[in-house]
Protein backbone atom coordinates (compact mmCIF):
# COMPACT_ATOMS: atom_id res chain seq x y z
CA MET A 1 56.63 74.28 -208.10
CA SER A 2 56.05 70.57 -208.49
CA SER A 3 59.61 69.90 -207.38
CA HIS A 4 61.69 72.67 -208.90
CA ARG A 5 62.93 74.30 -205.68
CA GLU A 6 61.57 71.91 -203.07
CA ALA A 7 64.57 71.30 -200.77
CA PRO A 8 67.64 73.30 -199.71
CA GLY A 9 70.20 70.63 -200.65
CA ILE A 10 69.04 69.70 -204.15
CA LEU A 11 68.40 73.37 -204.95
CA LYS A 12 72.19 73.68 -205.23
CA ASP A 13 72.46 70.69 -207.58
CA PRO A 14 70.09 71.38 -210.50
CA THR A 15 71.36 68.68 -212.88
CA ALA A 16 70.25 66.05 -210.35
CA ASP A 17 67.01 67.82 -209.40
CA ASN A 18 63.93 65.85 -210.49
CA THR A 19 61.29 68.51 -211.23
CA ASP A 20 58.28 66.44 -212.37
CA VAL A 21 57.10 62.89 -212.98
CA TYR A 22 54.31 61.89 -215.37
CA ALA A 23 52.89 58.41 -216.00
CA PHE A 24 49.88 57.60 -218.18
CA VAL A 25 48.49 54.83 -220.35
CA THR A 26 49.12 55.36 -224.08
CA PRO A 27 47.90 53.53 -227.21
CA ASN A 28 48.83 49.95 -228.12
CA ASN A 29 49.02 48.72 -224.51
CA THR A 30 51.88 50.98 -223.55
CA VAL A 31 52.67 53.30 -220.66
CA THR A 32 54.58 56.55 -221.07
CA ILE A 33 56.69 57.70 -218.13
CA ILE A 34 58.38 61.10 -218.12
CA THR A 35 60.84 62.53 -215.62
CA ASN A 36 62.16 66.07 -215.93
CA TYR A 37 65.39 67.52 -214.56
CA VAL A 38 67.29 70.84 -214.47
CA PRO A 39 64.60 73.29 -213.32
CA SER A 40 63.84 76.71 -214.78
CA GLU A 41 66.22 76.68 -217.73
CA ALA A 42 66.48 80.09 -219.37
CA PRO A 43 66.29 79.47 -223.13
CA ALA A 44 69.11 81.94 -223.84
CA GLY A 45 71.51 79.95 -221.67
CA GLY A 46 74.70 80.12 -223.73
CA PRO A 47 77.48 79.78 -224.40
CA ASN A 48 77.40 76.80 -222.02
CA PHE A 49 73.92 75.46 -222.58
CA TYR A 50 72.05 73.14 -220.21
CA GLU A 51 72.61 69.40 -220.18
CA PHE A 52 72.37 66.17 -218.19
CA ASP A 53 75.23 65.35 -215.83
CA ASP A 54 77.68 62.55 -216.65
CA THR A 55 78.30 62.04 -212.92
CA VAL A 56 74.62 61.44 -212.07
CA THR A 57 72.74 58.15 -212.40
CA TYR A 58 69.11 58.87 -213.34
CA GLN A 59 66.43 56.26 -212.65
CA ILE A 60 62.77 55.62 -213.38
CA ASN A 61 61.49 53.15 -210.77
CA ILE A 62 58.39 50.94 -210.86
CA ASP A 63 56.94 49.18 -207.82
CA ASN A 64 54.47 46.47 -208.89
CA ASN A 65 54.02 44.58 -205.60
CA GLY A 66 53.28 47.48 -203.26
CA ASN A 67 56.28 47.33 -200.93
CA GLY A 68 57.64 50.78 -201.79
CA ARG A 69 60.77 49.36 -203.44
CA PRO A 70 61.58 49.15 -207.16
CA ASP A 71 60.78 45.92 -208.99
CA VAL A 72 61.68 47.35 -212.39
CA THR A 73 64.18 50.16 -212.92
CA TYR A 74 65.19 52.00 -216.07
CA GLU A 75 68.65 53.48 -215.55
CA PHE A 76 70.12 56.31 -217.63
CA ARG A 77 73.82 57.24 -217.78
CA PHE A 78 75.09 60.09 -219.96
CA GLU A 79 78.38 60.79 -221.71
CA THR A 80 79.47 64.22 -222.93
CA THR A 81 82.07 64.78 -225.66
CA ASN A 82 83.73 67.82 -227.24
CA THR A 83 84.63 67.44 -230.90
CA ASN A 84 86.53 70.71 -231.31
CA PRO A 85 89.04 71.58 -228.56
CA ASN A 86 89.85 74.99 -230.04
CA THR A 87 86.54 76.82 -229.80
CA PHE A 88 84.54 78.35 -226.96
CA LEU A 89 81.35 77.81 -228.93
CA TYR A 90 78.66 75.16 -228.47
CA ASN A 91 78.48 75.03 -232.26
CA THR A 92 80.54 76.60 -235.04
CA GLY A 93 77.79 76.54 -237.65
CA PRO A 94 74.25 75.24 -238.17
CA ILE A 95 73.42 71.92 -236.55
CA ASP A 96 71.27 70.29 -239.23
CA ARG A 97 71.64 66.68 -238.10
CA LEU A 98 72.62 64.79 -234.95
CA ASP A 99 76.10 63.97 -236.31
CA SER A 100 76.78 67.46 -237.64
CA PRO A 101 80.51 68.36 -237.54
CA ASN A 102 79.46 71.89 -236.52
CA TRP A 103 78.18 70.64 -233.15
CA ASN A 104 80.99 70.75 -230.62
CA HIS A 105 79.41 69.84 -227.28
CA ARG A 106 77.13 66.81 -227.49
CA GLN A 107 75.67 64.12 -225.26
CA SER A 108 74.65 60.49 -225.64
CA TYR A 109 73.30 57.98 -223.15
CA THR A 110 72.80 54.32 -222.35
CA VAL A 111 69.53 52.83 -221.06
CA THR A 112 69.65 49.76 -218.80
CA ARG A 113 66.69 47.79 -217.46
CA ILE A 114 67.13 46.27 -214.00
CA SER A 115 64.73 43.60 -212.74
CA ASP A 116 65.14 40.59 -210.44
CA GLY A 117 68.78 41.52 -209.96
CA ARG A 118 69.52 41.27 -213.69
CA ARG A 119 70.74 44.13 -215.88
CA ARG A 120 69.92 44.35 -219.58
CA THR A 121 71.12 47.13 -221.87
CA LEU A 122 68.17 48.34 -223.98
CA ALA A 123 69.90 51.10 -225.93
CA ARG A 124 73.50 52.25 -226.11
CA ARG A 125 75.05 55.60 -227.09
CA VAL A 126 71.75 57.15 -228.10
CA PRO A 127 72.28 60.80 -229.09
CA CYS A 128 70.47 63.62 -227.32
CA PRO A 129 69.39 66.51 -229.53
CA PRO A 130 71.12 69.86 -229.03
CA CYS A 131 69.50 72.60 -227.02
CA ASN A 132 67.26 74.88 -229.05
CA ILE A 133 69.59 77.82 -229.63
CA GLY A 134 67.88 79.67 -232.45
CA PRO A 135 67.00 79.60 -236.17
CA ARG A 136 70.61 79.90 -237.43
CA SER A 137 72.21 77.41 -235.04
CA THR A 138 69.41 74.85 -234.85
CA PRO A 139 67.25 75.16 -237.99
CA ASN A 140 64.42 72.63 -238.38
CA TYR A 141 64.62 71.87 -234.67
CA SER A 142 61.54 69.65 -234.82
CA ASP A 143 63.35 67.30 -237.21
CA LEU A 144 66.42 67.22 -234.94
CA ALA A 145 64.28 66.35 -231.93
CA ASP A 146 62.34 63.65 -233.80
CA ALA A 147 65.60 62.07 -234.95
CA ALA A 148 66.59 61.66 -231.30
CA ILE A 149 63.66 59.30 -230.55
CA ALA A 150 65.11 55.79 -230.44
CA ASN A 151 63.73 52.28 -230.16
CA LEU A 152 64.42 50.15 -227.09
CA ASP A 153 65.57 46.56 -227.42
CA GLY A 154 62.57 44.35 -226.65
CA GLY A 155 59.99 47.03 -227.41
CA GLY A 156 59.31 50.64 -226.59
CA ARG A 157 60.83 54.02 -227.33
CA VAL A 158 63.02 56.54 -225.54
CA PHE A 159 63.85 60.23 -225.75
CA CYS A 160 66.27 62.31 -223.67
CA GLY A 161 66.84 65.99 -224.28
CA GLN A 162 65.67 69.54 -223.78
CA ARG A 163 61.92 70.30 -223.85
CA ALA A 164 59.54 73.08 -222.86
CA ASP A 165 58.56 72.80 -219.20
CA CYS A 166 54.92 71.70 -219.23
CA PHE A 167 54.34 72.22 -215.51
CA PHE A 168 52.18 75.28 -214.93
CA ALA A 169 51.70 77.19 -211.70
CA ASP A 170 51.37 80.74 -210.39
CA LEU A 171 54.35 80.51 -208.07
CA GLY A 172 54.34 84.21 -207.36
CA SER A 173 50.90 84.00 -205.79
CA VAL A 174 51.01 80.51 -204.25
CA PHE A 175 54.11 81.26 -202.20
CA ASP A 176 52.90 84.72 -201.24
CA LEU A 177 50.87 83.19 -198.40
CA ALA A 178 48.62 81.30 -200.84
CA THR A 179 47.35 84.47 -202.46
CA LEU A 180 45.36 82.80 -205.24
CA ARG A 181 44.69 85.53 -207.79
CA PRO A 182 41.39 84.11 -209.11
CA PHE A 183 39.92 84.47 -205.60
CA GLN A 184 39.98 88.24 -206.18
CA SER A 185 36.91 87.94 -208.40
CA LEU A 186 35.08 86.53 -205.38
CA HIS A 187 36.28 89.46 -203.22
CA LEU A 188 37.93 87.01 -200.84
CA ILE A 189 41.35 88.67 -200.89
CA PRO A 190 42.56 92.11 -202.02
CA THR A 191 44.66 91.42 -205.10
CA ALA A 192 44.96 93.38 -208.31
CA ASN A 193 44.73 90.58 -210.84
CA ALA A 194 42.13 87.82 -211.12
CA ASN A 195 44.13 85.76 -213.63
CA GLY A 196 46.89 83.37 -212.72
CA VAL A 197 50.40 84.13 -213.98
CA ASP A 198 52.26 81.06 -215.20
CA SER A 199 55.74 81.48 -213.71
CA LEU A 200 57.19 78.78 -215.99
CA ALA A 201 55.51 79.97 -219.18
CA GLN A 202 58.78 80.14 -221.17
CA ALA A 203 61.16 77.92 -219.23
CA ASN A 204 62.79 74.72 -220.43
CA VAL A 205 63.78 71.48 -218.70
CA HIS A 206 65.68 68.34 -219.61
CA THR A 207 63.37 65.37 -220.18
CA ILE A 208 63.83 61.63 -219.87
CA ALA A 209 60.86 59.86 -221.48
CA ILE A 210 60.15 56.21 -222.13
CA GLU A 211 57.21 54.48 -223.77
CA VAL A 212 57.17 50.78 -222.84
CA PRO A 213 54.71 47.88 -223.12
CA ILE A 214 52.45 47.48 -220.11
CA ASP A 215 53.53 43.88 -219.59
CA HIS A 216 57.12 45.06 -219.06
CA LEU A 217 55.98 46.85 -215.89
CA THR A 218 53.31 44.75 -214.21
CA ARG A 219 53.55 41.86 -211.80
CA ARG A 220 53.85 38.56 -213.66
CA GLY A 221 54.26 40.38 -216.97
CA ARG A 222 50.57 40.61 -217.87
CA VAL A 223 48.30 43.25 -219.40
CA PRO A 224 45.46 43.60 -216.86
CA THR A 225 42.03 44.37 -218.29
CA ASP A 226 40.00 44.55 -215.06
CA PRO A 227 40.49 47.85 -213.17
CA MET A 228 39.62 46.04 -209.95
CA ASP A 229 42.49 43.58 -210.40
CA SER A 230 45.00 44.07 -207.59
CA LYS A 231 47.82 43.59 -210.10
CA ALA A 232 46.58 46.41 -212.33
CA THR A 233 48.26 49.21 -210.37
CA ILE A 234 51.92 50.17 -210.52
CA GLY A 235 53.75 52.81 -208.47
CA VAL A 236 56.19 55.12 -210.27
CA TRP A 237 58.85 57.56 -209.12
CA GLY A 238 62.00 59.15 -210.45
CA ALA A 239 65.32 59.40 -208.61
CA ALA A 240 68.86 60.66 -209.08
CA TYR A 241 72.05 59.37 -207.49
CA ARG A 242 75.56 60.69 -206.95
CA GLN A 243 78.66 58.94 -205.70
CA LYS A 244 79.48 59.69 -202.07
CA ALA A 245 82.72 61.63 -202.57
CA ARG A 246 84.28 63.93 -205.13
CA VAL A 247 88.06 64.23 -205.23
CA ARG A 248 89.54 67.38 -206.81
CA GLY A 249 92.94 67.32 -208.48
CA TYR A 250 95.65 69.99 -208.85
CA ASP A 251 94.74 70.45 -212.53
CA TYR A 252 91.17 71.50 -211.65
CA GLY A 253 89.88 68.09 -212.70
CA SER A 254 87.95 65.82 -210.39
CA ARG A 255 86.73 62.27 -210.03
CA ASN A 256 83.87 60.71 -208.11
CA VAL A 257 84.39 57.76 -205.81
CA GLY A 258 82.45 55.62 -203.35
CA PRO A 259 78.93 54.20 -203.21
CA TRP A 260 75.97 55.81 -204.94
CA ASN A 261 73.66 57.91 -202.74
CA GLN A 262 70.18 59.11 -203.64
CA VAL A 263 70.06 62.91 -203.77
CA SER A 264 66.63 63.50 -205.32
CA ARG A 265 63.34 61.68 -205.83
CA LEU A 266 59.79 62.47 -206.84
CA GLY A 267 56.50 60.60 -207.06
CA ASN A 268 53.39 62.70 -206.47
CA PRO A 269 53.68 66.36 -207.44
CA LEU A 270 54.19 68.85 -204.59
CA PHE A 271 54.70 66.14 -201.93
CA ASN A 272 58.08 67.31 -200.68
CA GLU A 273 57.30 70.88 -201.72
CA VAL A 274 54.15 71.38 -199.63
CA ILE A 275 53.77 68.40 -197.28
CA VAL A 276 57.23 67.80 -195.79
CA PRO A 277 58.57 70.40 -193.32
CA LEU A 278 61.57 72.43 -194.44
CA ALA A 279 63.87 70.89 -191.84
CA GLN A 280 63.21 67.37 -193.16
CA LYS A 281 63.15 67.96 -196.94
CA ASP A 282 66.76 66.95 -197.54
CA ARG A 283 66.28 63.74 -195.58
CA TRP A 284 63.14 62.93 -197.57
CA ASN A 285 65.17 63.25 -200.78
CA SER A 286 67.77 60.79 -199.44
CA VAL A 287 65.49 57.87 -198.51
CA GLY A 288 63.27 55.57 -200.56
CA PRO A 289 59.46 55.51 -200.69
CA ASP A 290 59.45 52.48 -198.37
CA ARG A 291 60.47 54.87 -195.57
CA ASP A 292 57.58 57.28 -196.08
CA SER A 293 55.66 56.14 -193.01
CA GLU A 294 58.10 58.48 -191.23
CA PHE A 295 56.39 61.41 -192.98
CA ALA A 296 52.79 60.14 -192.86
CA GLY A 297 51.90 62.42 -189.95
CA PHE A 298 52.43 65.47 -192.16
CA VAL A 299 49.95 64.01 -194.66
CA ALA A 300 47.42 63.15 -191.96
CA GLN A 301 47.59 66.71 -190.56
CA PRO A 302 48.79 68.89 -193.45
CA GLU A 303 50.03 72.33 -192.50
CA LEU A 304 48.33 73.97 -195.50
CA ALA A 305 44.91 72.71 -194.35
CA ARG A 306 45.46 74.53 -191.04
CA LEU A 307 46.70 77.69 -192.77
CA LEU A 308 43.87 78.16 -195.25
CA PRO A 309 41.22 79.10 -192.64
CA VAL A 310 43.72 81.54 -191.11
CA LEU A 311 44.71 83.13 -194.41
CA TYR A 312 41.08 83.32 -195.57
CA PRO A 313 39.05 84.14 -192.42
CA GLY A 314 35.45 82.95 -192.60
CA VAL A 315 35.91 81.27 -196.00
CA PHE A 316 36.68 77.71 -194.79
CA PRO A 317 34.63 77.15 -191.61
CA ASN A 318 34.08 73.43 -192.24
CA LEU A 319 37.77 72.87 -192.93
CA ALA A 320 38.66 74.77 -189.77
CA ALA A 321 36.42 72.44 -187.76
CA LEU A 322 37.96 69.31 -189.30
CA THR A 323 40.44 67.94 -186.75
CA ALA A 324 40.48 64.23 -187.67
CA ASP A 325 43.41 62.70 -189.52
CA ARG A 326 43.03 63.11 -193.26
CA ALA A 327 42.39 59.53 -194.29
CA ASP A 328 41.55 60.77 -197.78
CA LEU A 329 45.00 62.29 -198.32
CA LEU A 330 46.74 59.30 -196.74
CA ALA A 331 45.01 57.09 -199.30
CA ILE A 332 45.55 59.36 -202.30
CA LEU A 333 49.23 60.04 -201.65
CA LEU A 334 50.58 57.06 -199.69
CA THR A 335 48.63 53.84 -200.36
CA GLY A 336 46.42 54.48 -203.35
CA ILE A 337 42.63 54.61 -203.30
CA PRO A 338 41.04 51.28 -202.27
CA GLN A 339 37.96 49.74 -203.83
CA GLY A 340 34.61 51.08 -202.68
CA LEU A 341 35.42 54.78 -202.42
CA ILE A 342 34.94 55.64 -206.11
CA PRO A 343 32.65 53.44 -208.25
CA GLY A 344 34.59 51.42 -210.81
CA PHE A 345 37.95 52.66 -209.63
CA GLN A 346 40.90 51.76 -207.43
CA ASN A 347 44.65 52.27 -207.56
CA PHE A 348 45.48 50.68 -204.23
CA THR A 349 48.93 49.14 -203.87
CA GLY A 350 48.61 47.84 -200.32
CA PRO A 351 49.18 49.03 -196.77
CA THR A 352 52.80 50.16 -197.21
CA GLN A 353 52.83 53.94 -197.09
CA ALA A 354 54.95 55.23 -199.96
CA ASP A 355 54.93 58.38 -202.06
CA GLU A 356 54.50 56.91 -205.53
CA LEU A 357 52.60 58.09 -208.57
CA ARG A 358 50.08 55.24 -208.78
CA LEU A 359 48.70 54.24 -212.16
CA ASN A 360 45.96 51.69 -212.82
CA VAL A 361 47.05 50.40 -216.24
CA ALA A 362 43.68 48.67 -216.88
CA ILE A 363 41.98 52.07 -217.23
CA PRO A 364 42.33 53.21 -220.87
CA PRO A 365 43.11 56.79 -221.93
CA SER A 366 40.13 59.13 -221.80
CA SER A 367 38.64 60.26 -225.09
CA ARG A 368 37.73 63.58 -223.41
CA PRO A 369 40.34 64.30 -220.73
CA ASN A 370 39.25 66.49 -217.84
CA ARG A 371 41.96 68.74 -216.42
CA LEU A 372 40.74 67.95 -212.88
CA GLY A 373 41.26 64.20 -213.27
CA LEU A 374 39.39 62.20 -210.65
CA LEU A 375 37.85 65.38 -209.19
CA GLY A 376 36.34 66.00 -212.63
CA GLY A 377 35.07 62.43 -213.02
CA ASP A 378 37.92 61.38 -215.32
CA LEU A 379 39.28 58.07 -214.02
CA ALA A 380 42.32 58.26 -216.32
CA GLY A 381 43.61 61.46 -214.70
CA PHE A 382 45.53 62.48 -211.60
CA PRO A 383 45.87 61.02 -209.01
CA ASN A 384 45.54 57.97 -211.24
CA GLY A 385 48.94 58.56 -212.76
CA ARG A 386 49.53 62.04 -214.09
CA ARG A 387 49.07 63.38 -217.62
CA VAL A 388 50.85 66.46 -218.93
CA THR A 389 47.49 68.28 -219.10
CA ASP A 390 46.35 67.52 -215.54
CA ASP A 391 45.91 70.69 -213.44
CA VAL A 392 47.66 69.22 -210.41
CA VAL A 393 48.02 72.48 -208.46
CA THR A 394 44.26 73.13 -208.55
CA ILE A 395 43.48 69.46 -207.85
CA GLU A 396 45.76 69.25 -204.83
CA LEU A 397 44.69 72.61 -203.42
CA ARG A 398 41.04 71.52 -203.59
CA ALA A 399 41.86 68.14 -202.04
CA VAL A 400 43.74 69.72 -199.13
CA ALA A 401 40.86 72.17 -198.67
CA GLY A 402 38.47 69.24 -198.16
CA ALA A 403 37.11 68.29 -201.59
CA THR A 404 38.07 64.61 -201.15
CA TYR A 405 37.26 64.15 -197.48
CA PRO A 406 33.64 63.01 -198.20
CA LEU A 407 35.18 59.86 -199.73
CA VAL A 408 36.01 58.70 -196.20
CA ASP A 409 33.33 60.65 -194.28
CA PRO A 410 30.07 61.18 -196.23
CA ASN A 411 28.82 63.44 -193.43
CA PHE A 412 31.46 66.07 -194.17
CA THR A 413 30.42 68.96 -196.43
CA PRO A 414 33.24 70.84 -198.18
CA ASP A 415 33.08 74.61 -197.90
CA ASP A 416 31.49 76.43 -200.83
CA ALA A 417 34.81 78.05 -201.74
CA VAL A 418 36.47 74.68 -202.38
CA SER A 419 34.78 74.22 -205.75
CA VAL A 420 36.11 77.58 -207.02
CA ILE A 421 39.72 77.27 -205.87
CA GLU A 422 41.86 77.84 -208.96
CA ASP A 423 45.54 78.22 -209.69
CA GLY A 424 44.40 80.07 -212.79
CA THR A 425 47.20 79.13 -215.21
CA PHE A 426 45.69 76.17 -217.10
CA ASN A 427 44.79 78.22 -220.16
CA ASN A 428 48.24 79.72 -220.71
CA PRO A 429 48.26 80.12 -224.53
CA GLY A 430 52.03 79.75 -224.74
CA ARG A 431 52.21 76.25 -223.26
CA VAL A 432 53.47 73.77 -225.86
CA LEU A 433 52.35 70.12 -225.89
CA LEU A 434 52.32 67.31 -228.45
CA ASP A 435 49.73 64.59 -229.14
CA ARG A 436 52.49 62.02 -229.69
CA PHE A 437 55.58 60.72 -227.92
CA PRO A 438 57.33 62.33 -226.04
CA TYR A 439 54.22 64.54 -225.56
CA ILE A 440 56.09 67.50 -224.04
CA GLY A 441 56.58 70.22 -226.61
CA LEU A 442 59.73 71.52 -228.27
CA PRO A 443 61.92 73.74 -226.09
CA TYR A 444 61.79 77.51 -226.37
CA SER A 445 64.77 78.89 -228.28
CA GLY A 446 67.12 81.45 -226.84
CA TYR A 447 66.80 83.62 -229.94
CA ASP A 448 63.01 83.75 -229.85
CA VAL A 449 62.37 84.22 -226.11
CA PRO A 450 63.13 87.75 -224.89
CA ALA A 451 65.20 88.17 -221.76
CA ALA A 452 63.37 88.99 -218.56
CA SER A 453 63.18 92.74 -217.97
């Protein structure tokens, strides 16, 4: 998955587990940034439904000077309250509004902007919507969710709450030794099904989404119009923090004490999942992007690139012969793409190697988005930021297999199979998206989604 089960430590702490990060330019000179948490929520998750954690500090970080450290941070802290101490139920009747007396277990949050050492509260005690339980408990769920979109002081909007997971991947095939089902139609591997199976087709997540003016994020507070401007690119990542110690009391209560430690982070999709070795994944989650030069060797010589020719004998001869460091992947994932490699495009942040989702804010949204982003000739798509429709699994598999290496070595010819590598789940008809903020669709309800058999 993008970052749903990427490291042993955070796997045991789902409310702090950052599953995906999206960043893309939106209308009226704004940028929308989305971070998702709590992986693989089963819609029928009662009676204690999923939620954010009051003991976690969630952050969206923006680096606008290329040093791998945050220059602007949006911090989210949550507070949970029970209104009825005498019921085991999440709700005792229909929840038809955000202040419904029938809703027992509810959350609100505060948003704080941190920049230049100064903290500014942008929104306080904003209500989250309830989880989508079903037609009797949460009728007119769309209206409930829309009511939870709030304005930020100084401009912008925010939403925090449950949504449908919009990440799509055939996890059953990818982690079965990269058995890509669509390759069956090419008779490259003996599988029974040529269509990808979206493993997250009816799973929910908890979303933190902000839409903010571009000049709130860029260096010197400007709205760049020239894509070649060095100040046009920002680096984005999400992170979660817990206090160092938890003290348990005799009454089964507990309190958290000590300094805050980072327990999860995410910039580019699949970085920790597929690039970082298992033994170092927990450490990667604990350090900042400015320390990512420690992991650059795994980008320069990715294990998956060595495995593909072994798993598919005779299919990737050119990739098998490629022994040089992967300067293309080092640029895409750790520094951004410099000028001169792609006409009219760059998202270079400088020489500091850091896993950040880099977005050139001077490139407007595409009128005809291509799911393959830059590989499909769409300069507004991944790895220039990441839209909710970008097919990042297919893009990254093709890149690792050699599709992007001609950018740094024009004499290299990718193997014929590279252009047909597919995850095969892009056209999942059940995936729910919106054409407006917060763009990720309404969560699946527990009543409507059947239990797994």
